[in-house]
C-alpha atoms as a PDB file:
ATOM      1  CA  MET A   1      30.175  -8.824 -13.602  1.00  0.00           C
ATOM      2  CA  THR A   2      26.679  -9.355 -15.045  1.00  0.00           C
ATOM      3  CA  ASP A   3      24.613  -7.028 -17.164  1.00  0.00           C
ATOM      4  CA  GLN A   4      22.261  -4.989 -14.932  1.00  0.00           C
ATOM      5  CA  SER A   5      19.455  -4.932 -17.489  1.00  0.00           C
ATOM      6  CA  ALA A   6      19.451  -8.736 -17.611  1.00  0.00           C
ATOM      7  CA  VAL A   7      19.313  -8.871 -13.814  1.00  0.00           C
ATOM      8  CA  ARG A   8      16.399  -6.423 -13.729  1.00  0.00           C
ATOM      9  CA  ALA A   9      14.548  -8.326 -16.444  1.00  0.00           C
ATOM     10  CA  ARG A  10      14.929 -11.578 -14.518  1.00  0.00           C
ATOM     11  CA  ALA A  11      13.757  -9.890 -11.311  1.00  0.00           C
ATOM     12  CA  TRP A  12      10.601  -8.668 -13.051  1.00  0.00           C
ATOM     13  CA  GLU A  13       9.964 -12.101 -14.518  1.00  0.00           C
ATOM     14  CA  THR A  14      10.155 -13.540 -11.019  1.00  0.00           C
ATOM     15  CA  ARG A  15       7.836 -10.873  -9.595  1.00  0.00           C
ATOM     16  CA  ARG A  16       5.284 -11.358 -12.376  1.00  0.00           C
ATOM     17  CA  ALA A  17       5.359 -15.115 -11.906  1.00  0.00           C
ATOM     18  CA  ARG A  18       4.684 -14.694  -8.212  1.00  0.00           C
ATOM     19  CA  TYR A  19       2.311 -11.692  -8.111  1.00  0.00           C
ATOM     20  CA  GLY A  20       0.746 -11.496 -11.555  1.00  0.00           C
ATOM     21  CA  LYS A  21       0.882  -9.099 -14.455  1.00  0.00           C
ATOM     22  CA  ARG A  22       1.568  -5.960 -12.401  1.00  0.00           C
ATOM     23  CA  GLY A  23       4.343  -7.444 -10.311  1.00  0.00           C
ATOM     24  CA  HIS A  24       2.762  -6.666  -6.944  1.00  0.00           C
ATOM     25  CA  ALA A  25       0.075  -8.217  -4.805  1.00  0.00           C
ATOM     26  CA  GLY A  26      -1.958  -5.160  -3.873  1.00  0.00           C
ATOM     27  CA  SER A  27      -3.298  -1.917  -5.144  1.00  0.00           C
ATOM     28  CA  TYR A  28      -1.571   1.403  -4.676  1.00  0.00           C
ATOM     29  CA  SER A  29      -4.765   3.442  -4.803  1.00  0.00           C
ATOM     30  CA  ARG A  30      -6.015   5.409  -1.832  1.00  0.00           C
ATOM     31  CA  ASN A  31      -8.293   3.584   0.523  1.00  0.00           C
ATOM     32  CA  THR A  32     -11.022   6.038   1.503  1.00  0.00           C
ATOM     33  CA  ALA A  33     -12.296   3.729   4.254  1.00  0.00           C
ATOM     34  CA  ASP A  34      -9.258   4.616   6.368  1.00  0.00           C
ATOM     35  CA  ARG A  35     -10.194   8.287   6.477  1.00  0.00           C
ATOM     36  CA  GLY A  36     -12.653   8.452   9.358  1.00  0.00           C
ATOM     37  CA  ALA A  37     -13.117  12.227   9.355  1.00  0.00           C
ATOM     38  CA  LEU A  38     -13.502  12.428   5.590  1.00  0.00           C
ATOM     39  CA  GLY A  39     -17.270  12.035   5.807  1.00  0.00           C
ATOM     40  CA  LEU A  40     -17.453  14.997   8.171  1.00  0.00           C
ATOM     41  CA  VAL A  41     -15.267  17.110   5.894  1.00  0.00           C
ATOM     42  CA  ILE A  42     -17.457  16.280   2.881  1.00  0.00           C
ATOM     43  CA  ARG A  43     -20.545  17.146   4.916  1.00  0.00           C
ATOM     44  CA  LEU A  44     -19.020  20.513   5.836  1.00  0.00           C
ATOM     45  CA  LEU A  45     -18.321  21.084   2.140  1.00  0.00           C
ATOM     46  CA  ASN A  46     -21.919  20.285   1.206  1.00  0.00           C
ATOM     47  CA  GLU A  47     -23.197  22.636   3.929  1.00  0.00           C
ATOM     48  CA  GLY A  48     -20.990  25.454   2.648  1.00  0.00           C
ATOM     49  CA  VAL A  49     -18.782  25.703   5.743  1.00  0.00           C
ATOM     50  CA  LEU A  50     -15.639  24.705   3.817  1.00  0.00           C
ATOM     51  CA  SER A  51     -14.711  25.506   0.240  1.00  0.00           C
ATOM     52  CA  GLU A  52     -13.742  22.882  -2.296  1.00  0.00           C
ATOM     53  CA  GLY A  53     -10.163  24.177  -2.285  1.00  0.00           C
ATOM     54  CA  GLN A  54      -9.920  23.905   1.499  1.00  0.00           C
ATOM     55  CA  VAL A  55     -11.140  20.317   1.374  1.00  0.00           C
ATOM     56  CA  CYS A  56      -8.658  19.459  -1.378  1.00  0.00           C
ATOM     57  CA  ARG A  57      -5.745  20.901   0.578  1.00  0.00           C
ATOM     58  CA  ALA A  58      -6.798  19.254   3.842  1.00  0.00           C
ATOM     59  CA  THR A  59      -7.382  15.808   2.357  1.00  0.00           C
ATOM     60  CA  GLN A  60      -4.699  15.923  -0.355  1.00  0.00           C
ATOM     61  CA  LEU A  61      -7.272  14.728  -2.887  1.00  0.00           C
ATOM     62  CA  ASP A  62      -7.867  16.203  -6.320  1.00  0.00           C
ATOM     63  CA  ARG A  63     -10.977  18.273  -7.041  1.00  0.00           C
ATOM     64  CA  VAL A  64     -12.602  15.636  -9.237  1.00  0.00           C
ATOM     65  CA  THR A  65     -12.439  13.083  -6.413  1.00  0.00           C
ATOM     66  CA  VAL A  66     -13.753  15.600  -3.868  1.00  0.00           C
ATOM     67  CA  ARG A  67     -16.652  16.559  -6.170  1.00  0.00           C
ATOM     68  CA  ALA A  68     -17.553  12.912  -6.757  1.00  0.00           C
ATOM     69  CA  MET A  69     -17.541  12.227  -3.020  1.00  0.00           C
ATOM     70  CA  ALA A  70     -19.630  15.329  -2.323  1.00  0.00           C
ATOM     71  CA  ASP A  71     -22.152  14.312  -4.984  1.00  0.00           C
ATOM     72  CA  ALA A  72     -22.346  10.774  -3.594  1.00  0.00           C
ATOM     73  CA  ALA A  73     -22.839  12.088  -0.050  1.00  0.00           C
ATOM     74  CA  GLY A  74     -25.534  14.480  -1.258  1.00  0.00           C
ATOM     75  CA  GLU A  75     -27.489  11.649  -2.863  1.00  0.00           C
ATOM     76  CA  ALA A  76     -27.352   9.420   0.220  1.00  0.00           C
END
């Protein structure tokens, strides 16, 4: 039987060699382009129809992200 830590270390070496420093090819961050109705929700927030808390719960985003998106939409 082999040592599991050695097996895991070798697996990560292989992943890093193939995919780079992080060990994966892509990003795990949210892609806001996939949320088609998000622009409408942010607009409703800016118009005062929805509260910031309602938007956060509906979109599962944190308040800082929602505020940044609302500010960006307000400037556009």
